[in-house]
Amino acid sequence: MGTIIEITIFMLVIATVAFAPLGYFIYNYTKKDGEPFGDFEHPEHGHSIIDDLADKAKEKIAH
């Protein structure tokens, strides 16, 4: 009976460690109005070539 309790505790510790990042992400996502890591864009962020390529890809997929 002792080994079952030990294995159960060990499994709970492993599950806690495994799912802690998911819980942290959910906590941050609900705390900051749907932005999990806040507003990370800089106010002076300009339009880049990558943004243009992404916009063109979206347009091609949409049509």
PDB file of N, CA and C in Angstrom:
ATOM      1  N   MET A   1       0.824  -1.199   0.000  1.00  0.00           N
ATOM      2  CA  MET A   1       0.000   0.000   0.000  1.00  0.00           C
ATOM      3  C   MET A   1       0.865   1.259   0.000  1.00  0.00           C
ATOM      4  N   GLY A   2       2.010   1.197   0.653  1.00  0.00           N
ATOM      5  CA  GLY A   2       2.901   2.353   0.719  1.00  0.00           C
ATOM      6  C   GLY A   2       3.452   2.740  -0.639  1.00  0.00           C
ATOM      7  N   THR A   3       3.717   1.746  -1.477  1.00  0.00           N
ATOM      8  CA  THR A   3       4.276   2.058  -2.794  1.00  0.00           C
ATOM      9  C   THR A   3       3.253   2.754  -3.682  1.00  0.00           C
ATOM     10  N   ILE A   4       1.992   2.429  -3.527  1.00  0.00           N
ATOM     11  CA  ILE A   4       0.950   3.078  -4.328  1.00  0.00           C
ATOM     12  C   ILE A   4       0.873   4.559  -3.971  1.00  0.00           C
ATOM     13  N   ILE A   5       0.948   4.863  -2.697  1.00  0.00           N
ATOM     14  CA  ILE A   5       0.909   6.256  -2.257  1.00  0.00           C
ATOM     15  C   ILE A   5       2.141   7.004  -2.760  1.00  0.00           C
ATOM     16  N   GLU A   6       3.309   6.382  -2.673  1.00  0.00           N
ATOM     17  CA  GLU A   6       4.534   7.016  -3.151  1.00  0.00           C
ATOM     18  C   GLU A   6       4.476   7.275  -4.651  1.00  0.00           C
ATOM     19  N   ILE A   7       4.003   6.301  -5.403  1.00  0.00           N
ATOM     20  CA  ILE A   7       3.889   6.476  -6.855  1.00  0.00           C
ATOM     21  C   ILE A   7       2.884   7.573  -7.182  1.00  0.00           C
ATOM     22  N   THR A   8       1.774   7.630  -6.446  1.00  0.00           N
ATOM     23  CA  THR A   8       0.765   8.661  -6.684  1.00  0.00           C
ATOM     24  C   THR A   8       1.343  10.052  -6.421  1.00  0.00           C
ATOM     25  N   ILE A   9       2.059  10.209  -5.334  1.00  0.00           N
ATOM     26  CA  ILE A   9       2.674  11.501  -5.026  1.00  0.00           C
ATOM     27  C   ILE A   9       3.702  11.864  -6.087  1.00  0.00           C
ATOM     28  N   PHE A  10       4.512  10.894  -6.494  1.00  0.00           N
ATOM     29  CA  PHE A  10       5.512  11.132  -7.531  1.00  0.00           C
ATOM     30  C   PHE A  10       4.857  11.567  -8.838  1.00  0.00           C
ATOM     31  N   MET A  11       3.755  10.915  -9.216  1.00  0.00           N
ATOM     32  CA  MET A  11       3.051  11.274 -10.444  1.00  0.00           C
ATOM     33  C   MET A  11       2.443  12.672 -10.344  1.00  0.00           C
ATOM     34  N   LEU A  12       1.946  13.056  -9.175  1.00  0.00           N
ATOM     35  CA  LEU A  12       1.401  14.399  -9.001  1.00  0.00           C
ATOM     36  C   LEU A  12       2.492  15.458  -9.127  1.00  0.00           C
ATOM     37  N   VAL A  13       3.673  15.171  -8.601  1.00  0.00           N
ATOM     38  CA  VAL A  13       4.791  16.109  -8.726  1.00  0.00           C
ATOM     39  C   VAL A  13       5.183  16.259 -10.189  1.00  0.00           C
ATOM     40  N   ILE A  14       5.297  15.143 -10.899  1.00  0.00           N
ATOM     41  CA  ILE A  14       5.650  15.179 -12.323  1.00  0.00           C
ATOM     42  C   ILE A  14       4.589  15.948 -13.116  1.00  0.00           C
ATOM     43  N   ALA A  15       3.316  15.713 -12.854  1.00  0.00           N
ATOM     44  CA  ALA A  15       2.237  16.408 -13.567  1.00  0.00           C
ATOM     45  C   ALA A  15       2.266  17.905 -13.271  1.00  0.00           C
ATOM     46  N   THR A  16       2.555  18.273 -12.036  1.00  0.00           N
ATOM     47  CA  THR A  16       2.624  19.689 -11.681  1.00  0.00           C
ATOM     48  C   THR A  16       3.741  20.376 -12.446  1.00  0.00           C
ATOM     49  N   VAL A  17       4.896  19.745 -12.512  1.00  0.00           N
ATOM     50  CA  VAL A  17       6.027  20.324 -13.239  1.00  0.00           C
ATOM     51  C   VAL A  17       5.722  20.403 -14.734  1.00  0.00           C
ATOM     52  N   ALA A  18       5.062  19.377 -15.259  1.00  0.00           N
ATOM     53  CA  ALA A  18       4.785  19.338 -16.698  1.00  0.00           C
ATOM     54  C   ALA A  18       3.768  20.394 -17.122  1.00  0.00           C
ATOM     55  N   PHE A  19       2.757  20.651 -16.295  1.00  0.00           N
ATOM     56  CA  PHE A  19       1.686  21.561 -16.684  1.00  0.00           C
ATOM     57  C   PHE A  19       1.843  22.966 -16.119  1.00  0.00           C
ATOM     58  N   ALA A  20       2.899  23.242 -15.375  1.00  0.00           N
ATOM     59  CA  ALA A  20       3.112  24.585 -14.825  1.00  0.00           C
ATOM     60  C   ALA A  20       3.257  25.643 -15.918  1.00  0.00           C
ATOM     61  N   PRO A  21       4.013  25.403 -17.006  1.00  0.00           N
ATOM     62  CA  PRO A  21       4.094  26.442 -18.049  1.00  0.00           C
ATOM     63  C   PRO A  21       2.748  26.749 -18.696  1.00  0.00           C
ATOM     64  N   LEU A  22       1.921  25.736 -18.873  1.00  0.00           N
ATOM     65  CA  LEU A  22       0.600  25.965 -19.445  1.00  0.00           C
ATOM     66  C   LEU A  22      -0.246  26.814 -18.509  1.00  0.00           C
ATOM     67  N   GLY A  23      -0.203  26.517 -17.232  1.00  0.00           N
ATOM     68  CA  GLY A  23      -0.950  27.303 -16.255  1.00  0.00           C
ATOM     69  C   GLY A  23      -0.469  28.740 -16.205  1.00  0.00           C
ATOM     70  N   TYR A  24       0.839  28.931 -16.301  1.00  0.00           N
ATOM     71  CA  TYR A  24       1.399  30.284 -16.298  1.00  0.00           C
ATOM     72  C   TYR A  24       0.939  31.058 -17.532  1.00  0.00           C
ATOM     73  N   PHE A  25       0.935  30.403 -18.692  1.00  0.00           N
ATOM     74  CA  PHE A  25       0.483  31.056 -19.914  1.00  0.00           C
ATOM     75  C   PHE A  25      -0.987  31.451 -19.812  1.00  0.00           C
ATOM     76  N   ILE A  26      -1.822  30.546 -19.322  1.00  0.00           N
ATOM     77  CA  ILE A  26      -3.251  30.838 -19.175  1.00  0.00           C
ATOM     78  C   ILE A  26      -3.454  31.986 -18.189  1.00  0.00           C
ATOM     79  N   TYR A  27      -2.702  31.978 -17.091  1.00  0.00           N
ATOM     80  CA  TYR A  27      -2.804  33.057 -16.101  1.00  0.00           C
ATOM     81  C   TYR A  27      -2.456  34.403 -16.737  1.00  0.00           C
ATOM     82  N   ASN A  28      -1.366  34.485 -17.482  1.00  0.00           N
ATOM     83  CA  ASN A  28      -0.980  35.738 -18.118  1.00  0.00           C
ATOM     84  C   ASN A  28      -1.967  36.137 -19.204  1.00  0.00           C
ATOM     85  N   TYR A  29      -2.502  35.174 -19.938  1.00  0.00           N
ATOM     86  CA  TYR A  29      -3.434  35.473 -21.019  1.00  0.00           C
ATOM     87  C   TYR A  29      -4.708  36.102 -20.467  1.00  0.00           C
ATOM     88  N   THR A  30      -5.212  35.569 -19.374  1.00  0.00           N
ATOM     89  CA  THR A  30      -6.450  36.109 -18.807  1.00  0.00           C
ATOM     90  C   THR A  30      -6.201  37.397 -18.042  1.00  0.00           C
ATOM     91  N   LYS A  31      -4.991  37.608 -17.558  1.00  0.00           N
ATOM     92  CA  LYS A  31      -4.687  38.797 -16.763  1.00  0.00           C
ATOM     93  C   LYS A  31      -4.567  40.048 -17.633  1.00  0.00           C
ATOM     94  N   LYS A  32      -4.062  39.926 -18.843  1.00  0.00           N
ATOM     95  CA  LYS A  32      -3.752  41.092 -19.668  1.00  0.00           C
ATOM     96  C   LYS A  32      -4.705  41.254 -20.850  1.00  0.00           C
ATOM     97  N   ASP A  33      -5.973  40.969 -20.663  1.00  0.00           N
ATOM     98  CA  ASP A  33      -7.001  41.196 -21.678  1.00  0.00           C
ATOM     99  C   ASP A  33      -6.693  40.528 -23.013  1.00  0.00           C
ATOM    100  N   GLY A  34      -6.334  39.286 -23.006  1.00  0.00           N
ATOM    101  CA  GLY A  34      -6.128  38.544 -24.234  1.00  0.00           C
ATOM    102  C   GLY A  34      -4.774  38.722 -24.868  1.00  0.00           C
ATOM    103  N   GLU A  35      -3.884  39.471 -24.248  1.00  0.00           N
ATOM    104  CA  GLU A  35      -2.523  39.614 -24.753  1.00  0.00           C
ATOM    105  C   GLU A  35      -1.593  38.905 -23.767  1.00  0.00           C
ATOM    106  N   PRO A  36      -1.162  37.703 -24.076  1.00  0.00           N
ATOM    107  CA  PRO A  36      -0.448  36.901 -23.087  1.00  0.00           C
ATOM    108  C   PRO A  36       0.839  37.531 -22.586  1.00  0.00           C
ATOM    109  N   PHE A  37       1.534  38.287 -23.382  1.00  0.00           N
ATOM    110  CA  PHE A  37       2.794  38.874 -22.947  1.00  0.00           C
ATOM    111  C   PHE A  37       2.775  40.387 -23.075  1.00  0.00           C
ATOM    112  N   GLY A  38       1.590  40.965 -23.078  1.00  0.00           N
ATOM    113  CA  GLY A  38       1.468  42.409 -23.161  1.00  0.00           C
ATOM    114  C   GLY A  38       1.650  42.917 -24.577  1.00  0.00           C
ATOM    115  N   ASP A  39       1.679  44.221 -24.709  1.00  0.00           N
ATOM    116  CA  ASP A  39       1.882  44.855 -26.016  1.00  0.00           C
ATOM    117  C   ASP A  39       3.380  44.974 -26.239  1.00  0.00           C
ATOM    118  N   PHE A  40       3.926  44.091 -27.050  1.00  0.00           N
ATOM    119  CA  PHE A  40       5.372  44.043 -27.210  1.00  0.00           C
ATOM    120  C   PHE A  40       5.869  44.871 -28.386  1.00  0.00           C
ATOM    121  N   GLU A  41       4.997  45.455 -29.179  1.00  0.00           N
ATOM    122  CA  GLU A  41       5.440  46.280 -30.299  1.00  0.00           C
ATOM    123  C   GLU A  41       5.844  47.657 -29.792  1.00  0.00           C
ATOM    124  N   HIS A  42       6.942  48.123 -30.292  1.00  0.00           N
ATOM    125  CA  HIS A  42       7.427  49.444 -29.915  1.00  0.00           C
ATOM    126  C   HIS A  42       6.594  50.501 -30.618  1.00  0.00           C
ATOM    127  N   PRO A  43       6.302  51.621 -29.947  1.00  0.00           N
ATOM    128  CA  PRO A  43       5.459  52.649 -30.591  1.00  0.00           C
ATOM    129  C   PRO A  43       6.038  53.182 -31.901  1.00  0.00           C
ATOM    130  N   GLU A  44       7.367  53.226 -32.029  1.00  0.00           N
ATOM    131  CA  GLU A  44       7.977  53.723 -33.255  1.00  0.00           C
ATOM    132  C   GLU A  44       8.224  52.613 -34.270  1.00  0.00           C
ATOM    133  N   HIS A  45       7.606  51.469 -34.062  1.00  0.00           N
ATOM    134  CA  HIS A  45       7.809  50.344 -34.976  1.00  0.00           C
ATOM    135  C   HIS A  45       7.271  50.712 -36.354  1.00  0.00           C
ATOM    136  N   GLY A  46       8.147  50.700 -37.327  1.00  0.00           N
ATOM    137  CA  GLY A  46       7.746  51.028 -38.690  1.00  0.00           C
ATOM    138  C   GLY A  46       7.343  49.783 -39.456  1.00  0.00           C
ATOM    139  N   HIS A  47       6.833  49.993 -40.631  1.00  0.00           N
ATOM    140  CA  HIS A  47       6.430  48.888 -41.494  1.00  0.00           C
ATOM    141  C   HIS A  47       7.691  48.286 -42.125  1.00  0.00           C
ATOM    142  N   SER A  48       7.836  46.974 -42.064  1.00  0.00           N
ATOM    143  CA  SER A  48       9.052  46.354 -42.587  1.00  0.00           C
ATOM    144  C   SER A  48       8.747  45.506 -43.815  1.00  0.00           C
ATOM    145  N   ILE A  49       9.783  45.000 -44.425  1.00  0.00           N
ATOM    146  CA  ILE A  49       9.652  44.123 -45.593  1.00  0.00           C
ATOM    147  C   ILE A  49       8.911  42.848 -45.206  1.00  0.00           C
ATOM    148  N   ILE A  50       9.187  42.346 -44.010  1.00  0.00           N
ATOM    149  CA  ILE A  50       8.516  41.125 -43.541  1.00  0.00           C
ATOM    150  C   ILE A  50       7.012  41.362 -43.440  1.00  0.00           C
ATOM    151  N   ASP A  51       6.622  42.546 -42.934  1.00  0.00           N
ATOM    152  CA  ASP A  51       5.204  42.872 -42.853  1.00  0.00           C
ATOM    153  C   ASP A  51       4.567  42.898 -44.239  1.00  0.00           C
ATOM    154  N   ASP A  52       5.275  43.471 -45.204  1.00  0.00           N
ATOM    155  CA  ASP A  52       4.754  43.519 -46.573  1.00  0.00           C
ATOM    156  C   ASP A  52       4.589  42.121 -47.164  1.00  0.00           C
ATOM    157  N   LEU A  53       5.581  41.268 -46.941  1.00  0.00           N
ATOM    158  CA  LEU A  53       5.488  39.892 -47.451  1.00  0.00           C
ATOM    159  C   LEU A  53       4.335  39.138 -46.797  1.00  0.00           C
ATOM    160  N   ALA A  54       4.147  39.354 -45.506  1.00  0.00           N
ATOM    161  CA  ALA A  54       3.040  38.694 -44.810  1.00  0.00           C
ATOM    162  C   ALA A  54       1.700  39.168 -45.347  1.00  0.00           C
ATOM    163  N   ASP A  55       1.579  40.479 -45.599  1.00  0.00           N
ATOM    164  CA  ASP A  55       0.334  41.010 -46.158  1.00  0.00           C
ATOM    165  C   ASP A  55       0.053  40.441 -47.546  1.00  0.00           C
ATOM    166  N   LYS A  56       1.089  40.332 -48.383  1.00  0.00           N
ATOM    167  CA  LYS A  56       0.911  39.752 -49.719  1.00  0.00           C
ATOM    168  C   LYS A  56       0.499  38.289 -49.637  1.00  0.00           C
ATOM    169  N   ALA A  57       1.095  37.548 -48.705  1.00  0.00           N
ATOM    170  CA  ALA A  57       0.733  36.132 -48.541  1.00  0.00           C
ATOM    171  C   ALA A  57      -0.714  35.995 -48.083  1.00  0.00           C
ATOM    172  N   LYS A  58      -1.150  36.866 -47.182  1.00  0.00           N
ATOM    173  CA  LYS A  58      -2.547  36.825 -46.728  1.00  0.00           C
ATOM    174  C   LYS A  58      -3.505  37.096 -47.879  1.00  0.00           C
ATOM    175  N   GLU A  59      -3.148  38.079 -48.729  1.00  0.00           N
ATOM    176  CA  GLU A  59      -4.004  38.414 -49.860  1.00  0.00           C
ATOM    177  C   GLU A  59      -4.100  37.249 -50.839  1.00  0.00           C
ATOM    178  N   LYS A  60      -2.969  36.563 -51.097  1.00  0.00           N
ATOM    179  CA  LYS A  60      -2.989  35.428 -52.021  1.00  0.00           C
ATOM    180  C   LYS A  60      -3.802  34.276 -51.479  1.00  0.00           C
ATOM    181  N   ILE A  61      -3.718  34.051 -50.185  1.00  0.00           N
ATOM    182  CA  ILE A  61      -4.486  32.972 -49.563  1.00  0.00           C
ATOM    183  C   ILE A  61      -5.962  33.297 -49.576  1.00  0.00           C
ATOM    184  N   ALA A  62      -6.306  34.571 -49.358  1.00  0.00           N
ATOM    185  CA  ALA A  62      -7.706  34.994 -49.301  1.00  0.00           C
ATOM    186  C   ALA A  62      -8.391  34.890 -50.669  1.00  0.00           C
ATOM    187  N   HIS A  63      -7.634  35.066 -51.752  1.00  0.00           N
ATOM    188  CA  HIS A  63      -8.242  35.050 -53.083  1.00  0.00           C
ATOM    189  C   HIS A  63      -8.211  33.704 -53.654  1.00  0.00           C
TER     190      HIS A  63
END
